[in-house]
């Protein structure tokens, strides 16, 4: 069984979608657009009818909604953050968008802001949202700032091993799909080719072993100002237990409106 990933091309590579009874990692160095990508996935999945929960540890609900509003209205985020710069027509467009387009996903997308999140707290939320609202797809941004069972920040491999094992068992217990954002280590910056690999995961051992799927994000424009692919996000499939590995999908994006488009530029092995 699987859940909709929000992108038809990704569903194909994932052999149907994001697998239930497992967790998936979305990995990137800072500035690549990990949160934007995960919010786009959650939004698109909800529009496609998937009951979806987005748990944000870093951003407030207001910040999440500002990004979603920018996405669905195509009004630049910087203008939404500074409404005094918006024209009357922009304001009317935003109002119209909020009233109409939100209807397409409003019953399927749930966003919750949390100050901290232990695996026990995550399990409680999964049980509640699944029982009362039918949620089966959960996004968590991001795994490195989850807490251990006793509420402390993870410090070493043993702490991350505990979190990873709990996540693996939890998804099986409740038959849900969990997608977690993950930061990558600075090892990426030391290589000539800075496209990430599974081994770049911070405290990678347990997560690399337990995750069903590991997806990396890369923008060449971050490192190469002269790149010909200035508005292209590479979605790189590393580990893919139920689908095709070592595949890269190139998706066009417009981060000014928090949008990663669903039609790929190209797909290469």
Protein backbone atom coordinates (compact mmCIF):
# COMPACT_ATOMS: atom_id res chain seq x y z
CA UNK A 1 0.00 0.00 0.00
CA UNK A 2 1.14 3.52 -0.70
CA UNK A 3 0.19 7.20 -0.49
CA UNK A 4 0.24 9.82 -3.23
CA UNK A 5 3.57 11.69 -3.35
CA UNK A 6 2.05 14.75 -5.01
CA UNK A 7 4.03 14.18 -8.22
CA UNK A 8 3.00 11.68 -10.92
CA UNK A 9 6.58 11.12 -12.06
CA UNK A 10 7.70 10.40 -8.48
CA UNK A 11 4.80 7.99 -7.95
CA UNK A 12 5.99 6.07 -11.00
CA UNK A 13 9.56 5.77 -9.70
CA UNK A 14 8.23 4.82 -6.25
CA UNK A 15 6.15 1.99 -7.78
CA UNK A 16 2.87 3.70 -6.97
CA UNK A 17 3.71 6.26 -4.33
CA UNK A 18 5.15 6.73 -0.86
CA UNK A 19 5.05 3.36 0.84
CA UNK A 20 2.98 2.84 3.97
CA UNK A 21 4.46 0.93 6.92
CA UNK A 22 7.74 2.74 6.26
CA UNK A 23 9.43 6.10 6.49
CA UNK A 24 11.03 8.12 3.71
CA UNK A 25 13.80 10.72 4.00
CA UNK A 26 13.99 13.94 1.96
CA UNK A 27 17.62 15.04 2.31
CA UNK A 28 19.39 18.26 1.39
CA UNK A 29 22.02 20.77 2.38
CA UNK A 30 20.68 24.13 3.63
CA UNK A 31 19.30 26.38 0.91
CA UNK A 32 18.28 23.64 -1.51
CA UNK A 33 14.54 23.93 -0.82
CA UNK A 34 13.79 20.92 1.35
CA UNK A 35 10.88 22.57 3.17
CA UNK A 36 9.49 24.03 -0.07
CA UNK A 37 9.59 20.59 -1.67
CA UNK A 38 7.89 18.90 1.28
CA UNK A 39 5.17 21.57 1.45
CA UNK A 40 4.58 21.17 -2.29
CA UNK A 41 4.30 17.42 -1.83
CA UNK A 42 1.83 17.82 1.03
CA UNK A 43 -0.24 20.38 -0.86
CA UNK A 44 -0.33 18.41 -4.11
CA UNK A 45 -1.16 15.19 -2.28
CA UNK A 46 -4.05 16.88 -0.50
CA UNK A 47 -5.35 18.32 -3.78
CA UNK A 48 -5.22 14.77 -5.16
CA UNK A 49 -7.44 13.60 -2.29
CA UNK A 50 -4.81 12.24 0.09
CA UNK A 51 -5.47 12.96 3.79
CA UNK A 52 -2.19 14.60 4.78
CA UNK A 53 -0.61 16.02 7.94
CA UNK A 54 2.32 18.46 7.91
CA UNK A 55 4.11 18.81 11.25
CA UNK A 56 6.39 21.83 11.40
CA UNK A 57 8.99 22.08 14.14
CA UNK A 58 10.83 25.07 12.66
CA UNK A 59 8.14 27.20 11.02
CA UNK A 60 4.94 28.58 12.52
CA UNK A 61 1.53 27.76 11.05
CA UNK A 62 1.37 31.35 9.81
CA UNK A 63 4.66 30.93 7.92
CA UNK A 64 3.46 27.64 6.41
CA UNK A 65 0.19 29.21 5.30
CA UNK A 66 1.97 32.23 3.79
CA UNK A 67 4.01 29.84 1.66
CA UNK A 68 0.98 27.84 0.63
CA UNK A 69 -0.92 31.02 -0.26
CA UNK A 70 2.01 32.17 -2.40
CA UNK A 71 2.02 28.79 -4.14
CA UNK A 72 -1.67 28.65 -4.98
CA UNK A 73 -2.02 32.34 -5.85
CA UNK A 74 1.37 32.76 -7.60
CA UNK A 75 1.83 36.05 -5.73
CA UNK A 76 5.46 36.37 -4.65
CA UNK A 77 6.11 35.37 -1.06
CA UNK A 78 8.10 38.53 -0.38
CA UNK A 79 5.02 40.58 -1.30
CA UNK A 80 2.77 38.51 0.95
CA UNK A 81 5.25 39.06 3.78
CA UNK A 82 5.08 42.81 3.10
CA UNK A 83 1.39 43.37 2.31
CA UNK A 84 1.86 47.13 2.11
CA UNK A 85 3.56 46.47 -1.24
CA UNK A 86 0.54 44.65 -2.65
CA UNK A 87 -1.72 46.41 -5.10
CA UNK A 88 -5.49 46.41 -4.71
CA UNK A 89 -5.78 43.85 -7.49
CA UNK A 90 -3.21 41.60 -5.79
CA UNK A 91 -5.20 41.75 -2.55
CA UNK A 92 -8.41 40.89 -4.36
CA UNK A 93 -6.67 38.02 -6.12
CA UNK A 94 -5.38 36.68 -2.80
CA UNK A 95 -8.86 36.85 -1.28
CA UNK A 96 -10.36 35.09 -4.29
CA UNK A 97 -7.66 32.40 -4.21
CA UNK A 98 -8.11 31.81 -0.49
CA UNK A 99 -11.86 31.35 -0.94
CA UNK A 100 -11.80 29.16 -4.04
CA UNK A 101 -8.61 27.15 -4.34
CA UNK A 102 -8.46 26.24 -0.67
CA UNK A 103 -11.67 24.27 -1.26
CA UNK A 104 -9.67 21.85 -3.40
CA UNK A 105 -7.54 20.69 -0.47
CA UNK A 106 -9.01 22.21 2.69
CA UNK A 107 -10.55 18.96 3.94
CA UNK A 108 -7.40 16.95 3.25
CA UNK A 109 -4.47 19.04 4.51
CA UNK A 110 -3.77 19.53 8.20
CA UNK A 111 -0.87 21.62 9.51
CA UNK A 112 0.33 21.65 13.08
CA UNK A 113 3.13 23.67 14.62
CA UNK A 114 5.07 21.93 17.38
CA UNK A 115 7.80 23.31 19.65
CA UNK A 116 9.45 19.91 19.98
CA UNK A 117 8.58 16.40 18.90
CA UNK A 118 9.56 13.09 20.47
CA UNK A 119 8.72 9.82 18.76
CA UNK A 120 6.09 9.18 21.47
CA UNK A 121 4.47 12.55 20.76
CA UNK A 122 4.58 11.84 17.03
CA UNK A 123 2.88 8.49 17.57
CA UNK A 124 0.12 10.15 19.63
CA UNK A 125 -0.52 12.63 16.83
CA UNK A 126 -0.55 9.88 14.20
CA UNK A 127 -3.11 7.90 16.22
CA UNK A 128 -5.34 10.96 16.66
CA UNK A 129 -5.20 12.23 13.08
CA UNK A 130 -5.69 8.77 11.59
CA UNK A 131 -8.61 7.85 13.85
CA UNK A 132 -10.49 11.14 13.67
CA UNK A 133 -9.48 12.57 10.28
CA UNK A 134 -8.30 9.60 8.20
CA UNK A 135 -4.73 10.84 7.80
CA UNK A 136 -2.28 8.26 6.42
CA UNK A 137 0.52 10.49 5.08
CA UNK A 138 2.58 12.52 7.56
CA UNK A 139 5.36 15.00 6.82
CA UNK A 140 7.82 16.03 9.55
CA UNK A 141 10.25 18.88 9.00
CA UNK A 142 12.83 17.84 10.09
CA UNK A 143 14.27 14.72 11.77
CA UNK A 144 17.47 16.15 13.28
CA UNK A 145 15.49 18.40 15.62
CA UNK A 146 13.24 15.65 16.87
CA UNK A 147 13.82 14.78 20.52
CA UNK A 148 14.60 11.47 22.19
CA UNK A 149 11.98 9.70 24.32
CA UNK A 150 13.08 11.59 27.42
CA UNK A 151 12.75 14.92 25.61
CA UNK A 152 16.43 15.72 25.11
CA UNK A 153 18.11 16.68 21.86
CA UNK A 154 19.86 13.76 20.14
CA UNK A 155 23.61 14.01 20.55
CA UNK A 156 25.17 10.81 19.31
CA UNK A 157 24.58 7.80 17.11
CA UNK A 158 22.73 5.94 19.89
CA UNK A 159 20.14 8.72 20.17
CA UNK A 160 19.52 8.76 16.43
CA UNK A 161 19.39 4.97 16.37
CA UNK A 162 16.62 5.13 18.99
CA UNK A 163 14.63 7.66 16.93
CA UNK A 164 15.12 5.72 13.69
CA UNK A 165 14.04 2.42 15.25
CA UNK A 166 10.98 4.02 16.82
CA UNK A 167 9.99 5.53 13.47
CA UNK A 168 10.33 2.18 11.71
CA UNK A 169 8.19 0.36 14.28
CA UNK A 170 5.63 3.17 14.52
CA UNK A 171 4.88 3.29 10.78
CA UNK A 172 4.30 -0.47 10.73
CA UNK A 173 2.12 -0.37 13.83
CA UNK A 174 -0.22 2.26 12.42
CA UNK A 175 0.10 1.44 8.70
CA UNK A 176 0.99 5.00 7.71
CA UNK A 177 3.62 6.65 5.52
CA UNK A 178 5.94 9.15 7.21
CA UNK A 179 8.17 11.53 5.26
CA UNK A 180 10.93 13.30 7.19
CA UNK A 181 13.19 16.11 6.11
CA UNK A 182 16.85 15.49 6.88
CA UNK A 183 19.96 17.62 6.79
CA UNK A 184 23.12 16.38 5.15
CA UNK A 185 26.62 16.63 6.55
CA UNK A 186 29.21 19.11 5.32
CA UNK A 187 31.04 16.27 3.53
CA UNK A 188 29.04 17.27 0.45
CA UNK A 189 30.87 20.62 0.28
CA UNK A 190 34.26 18.93 0.19
CA UNK A 191 33.65 17.08 -3.07
CA UNK A 192 34.02 18.45 -6.58
CA UNK A 193 30.65 16.93 -7.50
CA UNK A 194 28.39 18.22 -4.76
CA UNK A 195 25.37 16.10 -5.61
CA UNK A 196 24.53 14.28 -2.37
CA UNK A 197 24.70 10.58 -1.63
CA UNK A 198 23.09 8.38 1.02
CA UNK A 199 26.34 8.31 3.00
CA UNK A 200 26.10 12.11 3.43
CA UNK A 201 23.27 11.70 5.93
CA UNK A 202 24.11 13.10 9.35
CA UNK A 203 24.39 10.21 11.82
CA UNK A 204 23.55 8.18 8.73
CA UNK A 205 23.95 4.59 9.87
CA UNK A 206 20.55 3.88 11.40
CA UNK A 207 18.48 6.13 9.12
CA UNK A 208 20.19 4.84 6.01
CA UNK A 209 19.43 1.27 7.10
CA UNK A 210 15.86 1.80 8.34
CA UNK A 211 14.47 4.20 5.72
CA UNK A 212 12.46 2.72 2.91
CA UNK A 213 13.41 5.49 0.49
CA UNK A 214 16.09 8.18 0.53
CA UNK A 215 15.59 11.14 -1.80
CA UNK A 216 18.18 13.92 -2.19
CA UNK A 217 17.60 17.45 -3.46
CA UNK A 218 20.20 19.42 -5.40
CA UNK A 219 20.24 22.80 -7.18
CA UNK A 220 23.28 23.38 -9.35
CA UNK A 221 22.74 27.15 -9.20
CA UNK A 222 23.68 27.13 -5.50
CA UNK A 223 27.25 26.12 -6.39
CA UNK A 224 27.57 27.13 -10.04
CA UNK A 225 26.40 30.63 -10.94
CA UNK A 226 26.98 29.97 -14.64
CA UNK A 227 24.86 26.83 -14.75
CA UNK A 228 22.41 26.46 -17.60
CA UNK A 229 19.87 24.96 -15.20
CA UNK A 230 19.17 28.00 -13.06
CA UNK A 231 15.63 27.07 -12.06
CA UNK A 232 15.91 23.31 -11.89
CA UNK A 233 15.66 21.13 -8.79
CA UNK A 234 17.26 17.71 -9.11
CA UNK A 235 15.33 15.05 -7.20
CA UNK A 236 17.86 12.26 -6.79
CA UNK A 237 16.68 8.81 -5.74
CA UNK A 238 19.29 7.02 -3.63
CA UNK A 239 17.90 4.07 -1.73
CA UNK A 240 14.50 3.03 -3.11
CA UNK A 241 13.51 -0.31 -1.65
CA UNK A 242 10.32 -0.75 -3.68
CA UNK A 243 11.22 1.14 -6.83
CA UNK A 244 14.04 2.31 -9.09
CA UNK A 245 17.25 3.58 -7.52
CA UNK A 246 19.91 5.89 -8.95
CA UNK A 247 17.39 7.93 -10.93
CA UNK A 248 17.30 11.73 -11.13
CA UNK A 249 14.20 13.74 -11.96
CA UNK A 250 14.66 17.41 -12.85
CA UNK A 251 11.76 19.61 -11.81
CA UNK A 252 11.45 23.31 -12.74
CA UNK A 253 10.76 25.67 -9.85
CA UNK A 254 9.90 29.23 -8.96
CA UNK A 255 10.90 29.71 -5.34
CA UNK A 256 9.61 33.30 -5.36
CA UNK A 257 6.13 31.74 -5.31
CA UNK A 258 7.19 28.61 -3.39
CA UNK A 259 6.37 26.44 -6.40
CA UNK A 260 8.04 23.26 -7.62
CA UNK A 261 6.22 22.30 -10.80
CA UNK A 262 4.96 18.78 -11.41
CA UNK A 263 6.03 18.41 -15.06
CA UNK A 264 9.71 17.40 -15.20
CA UNK A 265 12.29 19.05 -17.43
CA UNK A 266 13.85 15.66 -18.01
CA UNK A 267 14.54 12.35 -16.34
CA UNK A 268 17.95 10.71 -16.44
CA UNK A 269 19.31 7.49 -15.03
